[in-house]
Structures are given as structure tokens and as C-alpha cells.
Amino acid sequence: MMVRNCFRKWVLPWACLLSVIFVSGARADHDHSKKQRFFEREIEEKGLFQEEDHGNEATGETAAWLFAIANIPAVLALTARHMLKRSRSSTSRKKWADFYTFNRRRLMPIHYVGNLSALGIALWHFVLSRCRSTSLPEWALALLLGFALLGLLMKFRLGFPSLIKTARTLHTSPAVVVILFMLLWVGHQMLD
């Protein structure tokens, strides 16, 4: 409870403030003149293997779809836990408990493998489409890596119980997910 209150009072406002600062700084660095746009386009298209932008779009879309599919079991698990706490009747609690157990045993491996695969594809997408006009892709990728590290800490119970509890709180926090998606969305809007 104390960690959640601390997160709400300190971490979330600071994360929002820092994201606004980085977004405005990145926006200021992004010059929209024709000469600059041509130069930036030339940098983006060269990439690592001198490929066109279509390969970069394919890796980005693949990573996005894989992230979406891989996180369906996590959403189902959070929903089942919430409904299990809210259920009043014993039959309803039993059904939600059975569903939660099924989800944990059968569907959560999709979450683990799918997200790690999507992270690898996202790293490859980053390598293929570097952009020097904004630092938002680096921030989003760092947040994604941190998110994956928190998930690994939870899964393999690496560390002290208090560290694992903090990792669970951050990993399942909707605020962190919103910040991550905002960074990704704003960064990709700047590149288009």
C-alpha cells in the first residue's frame, strides 16, 4: 500500500513531467522545413542495410501486433483477479478461480514468449529505422526493456520479496503502460 501511494504521489507526476519535457524538447529539435525534411528522410531510409522504409514498417507493425496478442493473457489475468476479489457467491468465485488457474497455466506462456519475441523485433525495428531528430524512440525502448526486466523479476522471483512486490506493482500499473504507449505514439507521429 505504501509503495502504491508513493508511486501515485511521486513517480507518476515526475514521469509525466519528464515525458512532457522530452516531448517538447524533441518537438523543438524537429525542424519542419523542406530542406531539413529531405535530409532527415535520407538518414531514415539508409538505415543499417540501406533498405527502404517498407522493411521498417513491417518490423514495427509485427512488433506492435505481437505485443498486442501477447498481452491478452495478462489482461485476462488481471480481470480474473479483479472479479475473484469482487465475487460474492461461492460458485462465481469458483468459476473465476478456475479461469484464473487455466489462464496462468495455459495462456501466460504466450505472454512471456510473445513479449520477449516482440521485444526482439522492436529492437530490430529500432536498428533499421534510426531517427536523429528525436530521442523518443530511445526512451520508449528503454522503458520497454525496463518493463521486460520487471516482468522477469516477477516471473523468476529474482531478488527480495519487497523488490518483487515493487516490480509487480510497476509491471501491472496502467499508468506505466499509458506512459509507454504515449512515448511510442508521440515518437512515431513525429517521424511521419
N, C-alpha and C. Protein backbone atom coordinates (compact mmCIF):
# COMPACT_ATOMS: atom_id res chain seq x y z
N MET A 1 0.82 -1.19 0.00
CA MET A 1 0.00 0.00 0.00
C MET A 1 0.87 1.26 0.00
N MET A 2 1.94 1.21 0.77
CA MET A 2 2.82 2.36 0.85
C MET A 2 3.52 2.61 -0.49
N VAL A 3 3.89 1.52 -1.18
CA VAL A 3 4.54 1.65 -2.47
C VAL A 3 3.57 2.27 -3.47
N ARG A 4 2.31 1.85 -3.45
CA ARG A 4 1.31 2.38 -4.37
C ARG A 4 1.08 3.87 -4.12
N ASN A 5 0.99 4.27 -2.85
CA ASN A 5 0.81 5.69 -2.53
C ASN A 5 2.02 6.50 -2.96
N CYS A 6 3.21 5.96 -2.72
CA CYS A 6 4.43 6.64 -3.14
C CYS A 6 4.48 6.78 -4.65
N PHE A 7 4.06 5.73 -5.35
CA PHE A 7 4.05 5.76 -6.80
C PHE A 7 3.09 6.85 -7.30
N ARG A 8 1.91 6.90 -6.71
CA ARG A 8 0.92 7.89 -7.15
C ARG A 8 1.36 9.31 -6.84
N LYS A 9 2.02 9.50 -5.69
CA LYS A 9 2.39 10.84 -5.28
C LYS A 9 3.66 11.35 -5.96
N TRP A 10 4.62 10.47 -6.23
CA TRP A 10 5.92 10.93 -6.71
C TRP A 10 6.28 10.44 -8.10
N VAL A 11 6.24 9.16 -8.33
CA VAL A 11 6.75 8.60 -9.58
C VAL A 11 5.90 9.01 -10.77
N LEU A 12 4.59 8.87 -10.66
CA LEU A 12 3.71 9.18 -11.78
C LEU A 12 3.77 10.65 -12.18
N PRO A 13 3.68 11.60 -11.23
CA PRO A 13 3.81 13.01 -11.67
C PRO A 13 5.16 13.34 -12.28
N TRP A 14 6.23 12.79 -11.71
CA TRP A 14 7.56 13.06 -12.28
C TRP A 14 7.70 12.44 -13.66
N ALA A 15 7.19 11.23 -13.83
CA ALA A 15 7.25 10.59 -15.15
C ALA A 15 6.47 11.39 -16.18
N CYS A 16 5.30 11.88 -15.80
CA CYS A 16 4.53 12.71 -16.73
C CYS A 16 5.26 14.01 -17.06
N LEU A 17 5.81 14.65 -16.03
CA LEU A 17 6.55 15.89 -16.26
C LEU A 17 7.75 15.66 -17.16
N LEU A 18 8.52 14.62 -16.89
CA LEU A 18 9.69 14.34 -17.72
C LEU A 18 9.30 13.99 -19.14
N SER A 19 8.21 13.26 -19.31
CA SER A 19 7.78 12.93 -20.68
C SER A 19 7.36 14.18 -21.42
N VAL A 20 6.69 15.13 -20.74
CA VAL A 20 6.32 16.39 -21.40
C VAL A 20 7.57 17.18 -21.78
N ILE A 21 8.55 17.20 -20.89
CA ILE A 21 9.79 17.92 -21.20
C ILE A 21 10.50 17.30 -22.39
N PHE A 22 10.60 15.96 -22.41
CA PHE A 22 11.28 15.31 -23.52
C PHE A 22 10.50 15.45 -24.82
N VAL A 23 9.18 15.42 -24.74
CA VAL A 23 8.37 15.58 -25.95
C VAL A 23 8.54 16.98 -26.50
N SER A 24 8.49 18.00 -25.62
CA SER A 24 8.65 19.36 -26.12
C SER A 24 10.06 19.60 -26.63
N GLY A 25 11.06 19.00 -25.97
CA GLY A 25 12.43 19.14 -26.46
C GLY A 25 12.62 18.45 -27.79
N ALA A 26 12.03 17.29 -27.93
CA ALA A 26 12.13 16.58 -29.20
C ALA A 26 11.38 17.32 -30.28
N ARG A 27 10.25 17.92 -29.95
CA ARG A 27 9.47 18.68 -30.92
C ARG A 27 10.25 19.91 -31.38
N ALA A 28 10.97 20.55 -30.46
CA ALA A 28 11.75 21.73 -30.81
C ALA A 28 12.91 21.37 -31.73
N ASP A 29 13.49 20.19 -31.56
CA ASP A 29 14.60 19.78 -32.41
C ASP A 29 14.16 19.36 -33.80
N HIS A 30 12.89 19.08 -33.96
CA HIS A 30 12.40 18.57 -35.23
C HIS A 30 12.00 19.74 -36.12
N ASP A 31 12.85 20.10 -37.05
CA ASP A 31 12.62 21.20 -37.96
C ASP A 31 11.76 20.71 -39.12
N HIS A 32 10.74 21.45 -39.46
CA HIS A 32 9.81 21.00 -40.49
C HIS A 32 10.05 21.68 -41.84
N SER A 33 11.18 22.28 -42.06
CA SER A 33 11.43 22.91 -43.36
C SER A 33 11.71 21.83 -44.41
N LYS A 34 11.52 22.19 -45.69
CA LYS A 34 11.69 21.20 -46.75
C LYS A 34 13.12 20.70 -46.83
N LYS A 35 14.07 21.58 -46.67
CA LYS A 35 15.47 21.17 -46.75
C LYS A 35 15.78 20.17 -45.63
N GLN A 36 15.35 20.48 -44.43
CA GLN A 36 15.60 19.58 -43.31
C GLN A 36 14.85 18.27 -43.48
N ARG A 37 13.60 18.32 -43.94
CA ARG A 37 12.80 17.12 -44.11
C ARG A 37 13.47 16.18 -45.11
N PHE A 38 14.01 16.71 -46.20
CA PHE A 38 14.69 15.87 -47.18
C PHE A 38 15.91 15.22 -46.56
N PHE A 39 16.67 15.99 -45.77
CA PHE A 39 17.86 15.46 -45.13
C PHE A 39 17.49 14.37 -44.13
N GLU A 40 16.44 14.60 -43.33
CA GLU A 40 16.03 13.58 -42.37
C GLU A 40 15.53 12.32 -43.07
N ARG A 41 14.82 12.49 -44.14
CA ARG A 41 14.30 11.33 -44.86
C ARG A 41 15.45 10.50 -45.41
N GLU A 42 16.49 11.18 -45.85
CA GLU A 42 17.65 10.47 -46.37
C GLU A 42 18.31 9.65 -45.27
N ILE A 43 18.43 10.19 -44.07
CA ILE A 43 19.02 9.46 -42.95
C ILE A 43 18.16 8.26 -42.59
N GLU A 44 16.84 8.45 -42.53
CA GLU A 44 15.95 7.37 -42.13
C GLU A 44 15.95 6.23 -43.13
N GLU A 45 16.00 6.54 -44.43
CA GLU A 45 15.91 5.50 -45.44
C GLU A 45 17.18 4.67 -45.54
N LYS A 46 18.34 5.25 -45.22
CA LYS A 46 19.57 4.48 -45.34
C LYS A 46 19.59 3.33 -44.35
N GLY A 47 19.27 3.59 -43.09
CA GLY A 47 19.24 2.52 -42.09
C GLY A 47 20.54 1.74 -42.03
N LEU A 48 20.46 0.55 -41.51
CA LEU A 48 21.65 -0.28 -41.36
C LEU A 48 21.98 -1.01 -42.65
N PHE A 49 20.95 -1.48 -43.37
CA PHE A 49 21.19 -2.29 -44.55
C PHE A 49 20.76 -1.61 -45.84
N GLN A 50 20.63 -0.27 -45.81
CA GLN A 50 20.27 0.51 -46.99
C GLN A 50 18.93 0.05 -47.56
N GLU A 51 17.97 -0.31 -46.70
CA GLU A 51 16.66 -0.73 -47.16
C GLU A 51 15.71 0.45 -47.19
N GLU A 52 14.60 0.29 -47.90
CA GLU A 52 13.58 1.33 -47.90
C GLU A 52 12.79 1.26 -46.62
N ASP A 53 11.87 2.19 -46.48
CA ASP A 53 11.09 2.30 -45.26
C ASP A 53 10.08 1.16 -45.09
N HIS A 54 9.79 0.39 -46.14
CA HIS A 54 8.81 -0.68 -46.04
C HIS A 54 9.26 -1.76 -45.07
N GLY A 55 10.53 -2.10 -45.05
CA GLY A 55 11.03 -3.08 -44.10
C GLY A 55 10.91 -2.60 -42.67
N ASN A 56 11.10 -1.29 -42.48
CA ASN A 56 10.97 -0.73 -41.15
C ASN A 56 9.52 -0.77 -40.69
N GLU A 57 8.60 -0.48 -41.59
CA GLU A 57 7.18 -0.55 -41.24
C GLU A 57 6.79 -1.98 -40.91
N ALA A 58 7.29 -2.93 -41.65
CA ALA A 58 6.94 -4.33 -41.42
C ALA A 58 7.40 -4.80 -40.04
N THR A 59 8.62 -4.45 -39.67
CA THR A 59 9.11 -4.87 -38.35
C THR A 59 8.35 -4.15 -37.23
N GLY A 60 8.04 -2.89 -37.43
CA GLY A 60 7.30 -2.13 -36.42
C GLY A 60 5.89 -2.66 -36.23
N GLU A 61 5.20 -2.93 -37.35
CA GLU A 61 3.84 -3.47 -37.24
C GLU A 61 3.85 -4.88 -36.66
N THR A 62 4.84 -5.68 -37.03
CA THR A 62 4.94 -7.03 -36.47
C THR A 62 5.13 -6.97 -34.96
N ALA A 63 6.02 -6.10 -34.51
CA ALA A 63 6.25 -5.96 -33.06
C ALA A 63 4.98 -5.47 -32.36
N ALA A 64 4.29 -4.51 -32.95
CA ALA A 64 3.07 -3.97 -32.33
C ALA A 64 1.98 -5.04 -32.20
N TRP A 65 1.76 -5.80 -33.29
CA TRP A 65 0.74 -6.85 -33.23
C TRP A 65 1.13 -7.95 -32.26
N LEU A 66 2.40 -8.29 -32.23
CA LEU A 66 2.86 -9.32 -31.31
C LEU A 66 2.72 -8.87 -29.85
N PHE A 67 3.03 -7.59 -29.58
CA PHE A 67 2.81 -7.05 -28.23
C PHE A 67 1.33 -7.12 -27.86
N ALA A 68 0.46 -6.75 -28.80
CA ALA A 68 -0.98 -6.75 -28.52
C ALA A 68 -1.48 -8.17 -28.21
N ILE A 69 -1.09 -9.12 -29.04
CA ILE A 69 -1.55 -10.50 -28.83
C ILE A 69 -0.96 -11.09 -27.56
N ALA A 70 0.31 -10.81 -27.30
CA ALA A 70 0.98 -11.38 -26.13
C ALA A 70 0.43 -10.83 -24.82
N ASN A 71 -0.18 -9.66 -24.84
CA ASN A 71 -0.68 -9.08 -23.60
C ASN A 71 -2.14 -9.39 -23.33
N ILE A 72 -2.81 -10.09 -24.22
CA ILE A 72 -4.19 -10.51 -23.95
C ILE A 72 -4.26 -11.41 -22.71
N PRO A 73 -3.38 -12.42 -22.54
CA PRO A 73 -3.44 -13.22 -21.31
C PRO A 73 -3.22 -12.41 -20.03
N ALA A 74 -2.38 -11.38 -20.09
CA ALA A 74 -2.15 -10.54 -18.91
C ALA A 74 -3.41 -9.76 -18.55
N VAL A 75 -4.09 -9.24 -19.55
CA VAL A 75 -5.34 -8.52 -19.29
C VAL A 75 -6.39 -9.48 -18.73
N LEU A 76 -6.45 -10.69 -19.28
CA LEU A 76 -7.38 -11.69 -18.76
C LEU A 76 -7.06 -12.06 -17.31
N ALA A 77 -5.78 -12.17 -16.99
CA ALA A 77 -5.39 -12.50 -15.61
C ALA A 77 -5.77 -11.38 -14.65
N LEU A 78 -5.53 -10.13 -15.04
CA LEU A 78 -5.90 -9.01 -14.18
C LEU A 78 -7.42 -8.93 -14.01
N THR A 79 -8.15 -9.19 -15.08
CA THR A 79 -9.61 -9.19 -15.00
C THR A 79 -10.10 -10.30 -14.08
N ALA A 80 -9.53 -11.50 -14.23
CA ALA A 80 -9.94 -12.62 -13.39
C ALA A 80 -9.63 -12.35 -11.91
N ARG A 81 -8.48 -11.77 -11.63
CA ARG A 81 -8.14 -11.45 -10.23
C ARG A 81 -9.10 -10.41 -9.66
N HIS A 82 -9.42 -9.42 -10.48
CA HIS A 82 -10.35 -8.38 -10.03
C HIS A 82 -11.73 -8.97 -9.76
N MET A 83 -12.21 -9.80 -10.66
CA MET A 83 -13.53 -10.40 -10.50
C MET A 83 -13.54 -11.40 -9.34
N LEU A 84 -12.43 -12.07 -9.12
CA LEU A 84 -12.34 -13.00 -8.00
C LEU A 84 -12.47 -12.26 -6.66
N LYS A 85 -11.87 -11.08 -6.57
CA LYS A 85 -11.98 -10.28 -5.35
C LYS A 85 -13.38 -9.73 -5.15
N ARG A 86 -14.06 -9.42 -6.26
CA ARG A 86 -15.38 -8.79 -6.18
C ARG A 86 -16.54 -9.79 -6.09
N SER A 87 -16.28 -11.05 -6.37
CA SER A 87 -17.36 -12.03 -6.39
C SER A 87 -17.89 -12.29 -4.99
N ARG A 88 -19.21 -12.42 -4.89
CA ARG A 88 -19.85 -12.65 -3.60
C ARG A 88 -20.21 -14.13 -3.41
N SER A 89 -20.72 -14.77 -4.45
CA SER A 89 -21.17 -16.16 -4.30
C SER A 89 -20.00 -17.13 -4.48
N SER A 90 -20.13 -18.28 -3.86
CA SER A 90 -19.05 -19.27 -3.92
C SER A 90 -18.94 -19.89 -5.32
N THR A 91 -20.06 -20.05 -6.02
CA THR A 91 -19.99 -20.61 -7.38
C THR A 91 -19.29 -19.65 -8.34
N SER A 92 -19.59 -18.38 -8.19
CA SER A 92 -18.92 -17.37 -9.03
C SER A 92 -17.42 -17.32 -8.72
N ARG A 93 -17.09 -17.35 -7.45
CA ARG A 93 -15.66 -17.34 -7.05
C ARG A 93 -14.94 -18.58 -7.59
N LYS A 94 -15.61 -19.72 -7.55
CA LYS A 94 -15.00 -20.96 -8.05
C LYS A 94 -14.75 -20.87 -9.55
N LYS A 95 -15.71 -20.33 -10.30
CA LYS A 95 -15.54 -20.20 -11.76
C LYS A 95 -14.39 -19.26 -12.09
N TRP A 96 -14.33 -18.11 -11.40
CA TRP A 96 -13.24 -17.18 -11.66
C TRP A 96 -11.89 -17.75 -11.22
N ALA A 97 -11.87 -18.50 -10.13
CA ALA A 97 -10.63 -19.13 -9.68
C ALA A 97 -10.16 -20.18 -10.68
N ASP A 98 -11.09 -20.96 -11.22
CA ASP A 98 -10.74 -21.95 -12.25
C ASP A 98 -10.22 -21.27 -13.51
N PHE A 99 -10.89 -20.18 -13.92
CA PHE A 99 -10.44 -19.46 -15.10
C PHE A 99 -9.05 -18.85 -14.87
N TYR A 100 -8.82 -18.31 -13.69
CA TYR A 100 -7.52 -17.72 -13.37
C TYR A 100 -6.43 -18.79 -13.41
N THR A 101 -6.70 -19.96 -12.86
CA THR A 101 -5.73 -21.06 -12.88
C THR A 101 -5.46 -21.51 -14.31
N PHE A 102 -6.51 -21.67 -15.11
CA PHE A 102 -6.35 -22.04 -16.51
C PHE A 102 -5.51 -21.00 -17.24
N ASN A 103 -5.82 -19.73 -17.04
CA ASN A 103 -5.09 -18.66 -17.71
C ASN A 103 -3.63 -18.66 -17.31
N ARG A 104 -3.38 -18.85 -16.04
CA ARG A 104 -1.99 -18.83 -15.54
C ARG A 104 -1.18 -20.00 -16.10
N ARG A 105 -1.79 -21.16 -16.20
CA ARG A 105 -1.06 -22.34 -16.67
C ARG A 105 -0.95 -22.42 -18.18
N ARG A 106 -2.02 -22.10 -18.88
CA ARG A 106 -2.08 -22.33 -20.33
C ARG A 106 -1.81 -21.10 -21.18
N LEU A 107 -2.27 -19.92 -20.73
CA LEU A 107 -2.17 -18.74 -21.58
C LEU A 107 -1.00 -17.83 -21.25
N MET A 108 -0.58 -17.79 -20.00
CA MET A 108 0.52 -16.89 -19.64
C MET A 108 1.84 -17.22 -20.34
N PRO A 109 2.14 -18.47 -20.70
CA PRO A 109 3.34 -18.69 -21.51
C PRO A 109 3.31 -17.92 -22.84
N ILE A 110 2.12 -17.69 -23.38
CA ILE A 110 2.01 -16.85 -24.59
C ILE A 110 2.47 -15.44 -24.25
N HIS A 111 2.12 -14.96 -23.08
CA HIS A 111 2.54 -13.62 -22.63
C HIS A 111 4.07 -13.53 -22.53
N TYR A 112 4.67 -14.54 -21.91
CA TYR A 112 6.12 -14.50 -21.70
C TYR A 112 6.88 -14.58 -23.01
N VAL A 113 6.60 -15.59 -23.79
CA VAL A 113 7.33 -15.82 -25.05
C VAL A 113 7.00 -14.74 -26.07
N GLY A 114 5.72 -14.39 -26.16
CA GLY A 114 5.31 -13.38 -27.14
C GLY A 114 5.92 -12.03 -26.88
N ASN A 115 5.95 -11.59 -25.63
CA ASN A 115 6.52 -10.28 -25.33
C ASN A 115 8.03 -10.25 -25.53
N LEU A 116 8.71 -11.33 -25.17
CA LEU A 116 10.16 -11.36 -25.41
C LEU A 116 10.46 -11.37 -26.91
N SER A 117 9.65 -12.09 -27.69
CA SER A 117 9.82 -12.08 -29.15
C SER A 117 9.53 -10.71 -29.71
N ALA A 118 8.46 -10.09 -29.23
CA ALA A 118 8.11 -8.74 -29.70
C ALA A 118 9.19 -7.73 -29.33
N LEU A 119 9.80 -7.91 -28.16
CA LEU A 119 10.89 -7.01 -27.76
C LEU A 119 12.08 -7.17 -28.69
N GLY A 120 12.40 -8.41 -29.07
CA GLY A 120 13.48 -8.63 -30.03
C GLY A 120 13.19 -7.99 -31.38
N ILE A 121 11.95 -8.11 -31.85
CA ILE A 121 11.58 -7.50 -33.13
C ILE A 121 11.58 -5.97 -33.00
N ALA A 122 11.16 -5.44 -31.84
CA ALA A 122 11.19 -4.00 -31.63
C ALA A 122 12.63 -3.48 -31.63
N LEU A 123 13.55 -4.25 -31.06
CA LEU A 123 14.97 -3.86 -31.11
C LEU A 123 15.47 -3.85 -32.55
N TRP A 124 15.06 -4.84 -33.33
CA TRP A 124 15.45 -4.90 -34.74
C TRP A 124 14.83 -3.73 -35.50
N HIS A 125 13.59 -3.39 -35.20
CA HIS A 125 12.92 -2.24 -35.81
C HIS A 125 13.68 -0.96 -35.49
N PHE A 126 14.14 -0.83 -34.26
CA PHE A 126 14.91 0.34 -33.86
C PHE A 126 16.21 0.44 -34.64
N VAL A 127 16.89 -0.69 -34.83
CA VAL A 127 18.15 -0.69 -35.57
C VAL A 127 17.93 -0.30 -37.03
N LEU A 128 16.85 -0.78 -37.62
CA LEU A 128 16.59 -0.49 -39.03
C LEU A 128 16.13 0.94 -39.29
N SER A 129 15.52 1.56 -38.31
CA SER A 129 14.94 2.88 -38.57
C SER A 129 15.36 3.89 -37.52
N ARG A 130 16.60 4.21 -37.48
CA ARG A 130 17.07 5.22 -36.54
C ARG A 130 16.64 6.59 -37.01
N CYS A 131 16.31 7.44 -36.06
CA CYS A 131 15.94 8.81 -36.37
C CYS A 131 16.75 9.72 -35.46
N ARG A 132 17.44 10.66 -36.07
CA ARG A 132 18.29 11.54 -35.28
C ARG A 132 17.57 12.82 -34.86
N SER A 133 16.32 13.01 -35.26
CA SER A 133 15.62 14.25 -34.94
C SER A 133 14.93 14.21 -33.58
N THR A 134 14.76 13.05 -32.99
CA THR A 134 14.09 12.94 -31.69
C THR A 134 14.70 11.79 -30.89
N SER A 135 14.63 11.92 -29.58
CA SER A 135 15.15 10.86 -28.71
C SER A 135 14.04 9.99 -28.13
N LEU A 136 12.80 10.20 -28.56
CA LEU A 136 11.69 9.43 -28.02
C LEU A 136 11.79 7.93 -28.29
N PRO A 137 12.27 7.49 -29.45
CA PRO A 137 12.41 6.04 -29.62
C PRO A 137 13.35 5.40 -28.61
N GLU A 138 14.42 6.09 -28.27
CA GLU A 138 15.34 5.56 -27.28
C GLU A 138 14.68 5.47 -25.91
N TRP A 139 13.90 6.49 -25.55
CA TRP A 139 13.21 6.49 -24.26
C TRP A 139 12.16 5.38 -24.21
N ALA A 140 11.41 5.23 -25.29
CA ALA A 140 10.39 4.18 -25.33
C ALA A 140 11.03 2.80 -25.27
N LEU A 141 12.13 2.63 -25.97
CA LEU A 141 12.82 1.33 -25.96
C LEU A 141 13.41 1.04 -24.57
N ALA A 142 13.96 2.07 -23.92
CA ALA A 142 14.49 1.88 -22.57
C ALA A 142 13.36 1.51 -21.60
N LEU A 143 12.20 2.14 -21.76
CA LEU A 143 11.06 1.80 -20.90
C LEU A 143 10.57 0.40 -21.18
N LEU A 144 10.56 -0.01 -22.44
CA LEU A 144 10.17 -1.38 -22.79
C LEU A 144 11.12 -2.40 -22.17
N LEU A 145 12.42 -2.12 -22.25
CA LEU A 145 13.41 -3.03 -21.65
C LEU A 145 13.24 -3.09 -20.13
N GLY A 146 12.99 -1.95 -19.52
CA GLY A 146 12.74 -1.93 -18.08
C GLY A 146 11.50 -2.69 -17.70
N PHE A 147 10.46 -2.56 -18.53
CA PHE A 147 9.22 -3.29 -18.32
C PHE A 147 9.46 -4.79 -18.40
N ALA A 148 10.25 -5.21 -19.38
CA ALA A 148 10.57 -6.64 -19.52
C ALA A 148 11.40 -7.13 -18.34
N LEU A 149 12.33 -6.31 -17.88
CA LEU A 149 13.13 -6.68 -16.71
C LEU A 149 12.26 -6.85 -15.47
N LEU A 150 11.30 -5.96 -15.29
CA LEU A 150 10.38 -6.11 -14.16
C LEU A 150 9.57 -7.40 -14.27
N GLY A 151 9.16 -7.74 -15.49
CA GLY A 151 8.43 -8.99 -15.69
C GLY A 151 9.28 -10.21 -15.38
N LEU A 152 10.56 -10.16 -15.78
CA LEU A 152 11.45 -11.28 -15.48
C LEU A 152 11.71 -11.40 -13.97
N LEU A 153 11.82 -10.25 -13.29
CA LEU A 153 11.97 -10.28 -11.83
C LEU A 153 10.77 -10.95 -11.18
N MET A 154 9.58 -10.65 -11.69
CA MET A 154 8.37 -11.27 -11.14
C MET A 154 8.30 -12.75 -11.44
N LYS A 155 8.56 -13.11 -12.68
CA LYS A 155 8.40 -14.50 -13.11
C LYS A 155 9.36 -15.43 -12.38
N PHE A 156 10.62 -15.05 -12.32
CA PHE A 156 11.63 -15.93 -11.72
C PHE A 156 11.93 -15.59 -10.26
N ARG A 157 11.19 -14.65 -9.70
CA ARG A 157 11.33 -14.24 -8.30
C ARG A 157 12.79 -13.94 -7.96
N LEU A 158 13.37 -13.06 -8.75
CA LEU A 158 14.76 -12.66 -8.55
C LEU A 158 14.81 -11.46 -7.60
N GLY A 159 15.37 -11.65 -6.45
CA GLY A 159 15.50 -10.56 -5.51
C GLY A 159 14.68 -10.77 -4.26
N PHE A 160 14.68 -9.75 -3.43
CA PHE A 160 13.96 -9.79 -2.17
C PHE A 160 12.45 -9.70 -2.41
N PRO A 161 11.65 -10.18 -1.47
CA PRO A 161 10.19 -10.10 -1.64
C PRO A 161 9.69 -8.66 -1.83
N SER A 162 10.30 -7.71 -1.14
CA SER A 162 9.87 -6.32 -1.31
C SER A 162 10.18 -5.81 -2.73
N LEU A 163 11.31 -6.24 -3.29
CA LEU A 163 11.66 -5.86 -4.66
C LEU A 163 10.69 -6.49 -5.66
N ILE A 164 10.33 -7.74 -5.43
CA ILE A 164 9.39 -8.42 -6.32
C ILE A 164 8.02 -7.77 -6.24
N LYS A 165 7.62 -7.36 -5.03
CA LYS A 165 6.33 -6.69 -4.87
C LYS A 165 6.32 -5.35 -5.60
N THR A 166 7.41 -4.59 -5.49
CA THR A 166 7.52 -3.32 -6.21
C THR A 166 7.52 -3.55 -7.72
N ALA A 167 8.22 -4.60 -8.16
CA ALA A 167 8.24 -4.92 -9.59
C ALA A 167 6.84 -5.27 -10.08
N ARG A 168 6.10 -6.02 -9.28
CA ARG A 168 4.72 -6.38 -9.66
C ARG A 168 3.84 -5.13 -9.73
N THR A 169 3.99 -4.24 -8.76
CA THR A 169 3.19 -3.01 -8.75
C THR A 169 3.48 -2.18 -9.99
N LEU A 170 4.74 -2.02 -10.34
CA LEU A 170 5.09 -1.22 -11.53
C LEU A 170 4.72 -1.93 -12.82
N HIS A 171 4.94 -3.24 -12.88
CA HIS A 171 4.70 -4.00 -14.11
C HIS A 171 3.21 -4.08 -14.44
N THR A 172 2.37 -4.09 -13.43
CA THR A 172 0.93 -4.19 -13.67
C THR A 172 0.23 -2.84 -13.59
N SER A 173 0.98 -1.77 -13.46
CA SER A 173 0.39 -0.44 -13.33
C SER A 173 -0.09 0.09 -14.67
N PRO A 174 -1.33 0.50 -14.76
CA PRO A 174 -1.81 1.08 -16.01
C PRO A 174 -1.11 2.39 -16.35
N ALA A 175 -0.67 3.14 -15.34
CA ALA A 175 -0.01 4.43 -15.60
C ALA A 175 1.29 4.23 -16.38
N VAL A 176 2.06 3.22 -16.02
CA VAL A 176 3.31 2.95 -16.74
C VAL A 176 3.01 2.54 -18.18
N VAL A 177 1.98 1.74 -18.37
CA VAL A 177 1.60 1.32 -19.72
C VAL A 177 1.16 2.52 -20.54
N VAL A 178 0.40 3.44 -19.94
CA VAL A 178 -0.05 4.64 -20.66
C VAL A 178 1.14 5.50 -21.04
N ILE A 179 2.08 5.68 -20.13
CA ILE A 179 3.28 6.49 -20.44
C ILE A 179 4.07 5.84 -21.57
N LEU A 180 4.22 4.53 -21.54
CA LEU A 180 4.94 3.82 -22.60
C LEU A 180 4.26 4.03 -23.95
N PHE A 181 2.95 3.83 -24.00
CA PHE A 181 2.25 4.00 -25.27
C PHE A 181 2.24 5.44 -25.74
N MET A 182 2.19 6.39 -24.82
CA MET A 182 2.26 7.80 -25.22
C MET A 182 3.61 8.12 -25.84
N LEU A 183 4.68 7.63 -25.23
CA LEU A 183 6.02 7.84 -25.81
C LEU A 183 6.11 7.24 -27.20
N LEU A 184 5.62 6.02 -27.35
CA LEU A 184 5.65 5.37 -28.66
C LEU A 184 4.81 6.12 -29.67
N TRP A 185 3.62 6.52 -29.28
CA TRP A 185 2.72 7.19 -30.21
C TRP A 185 3.26 8.55 -30.63
N VAL A 186 3.69 9.37 -29.66
CA VAL A 186 4.21 10.70 -29.98
C VAL A 186 5.48 10.58 -30.82
N GLY A 187 6.35 9.63 -30.46
CA GLY A 187 7.59 9.45 -31.23
C GLY A 187 7.31 9.04 -32.67
N HIS A 188 6.35 8.17 -32.88
CA HIS A 188 6.04 7.74 -34.25
C HIS A 188 5.28 8.82 -35.01
N GLN A 189 4.52 9.66 -34.32
CA GLN A 189 3.86 10.77 -35.01
C GLN A 189 4.87 11.80 -35.49
N MET A 190 5.94 11.98 -34.74
CA MET A 190 6.97 12.93 -35.14
C MET A 190 7.73 12.45 -36.37
N LEU A 191 7.85 11.14 -36.51
CA LEU A 191 8.60 10.61 -37.64
C LEU A 191 7.80 10.63 -38.92
N ASP A 192 6.48 10.58 -38.82
CA ASP A 192 5.64 10.55 -40.04
C ASP A 192 5.50 11.90 -40.68
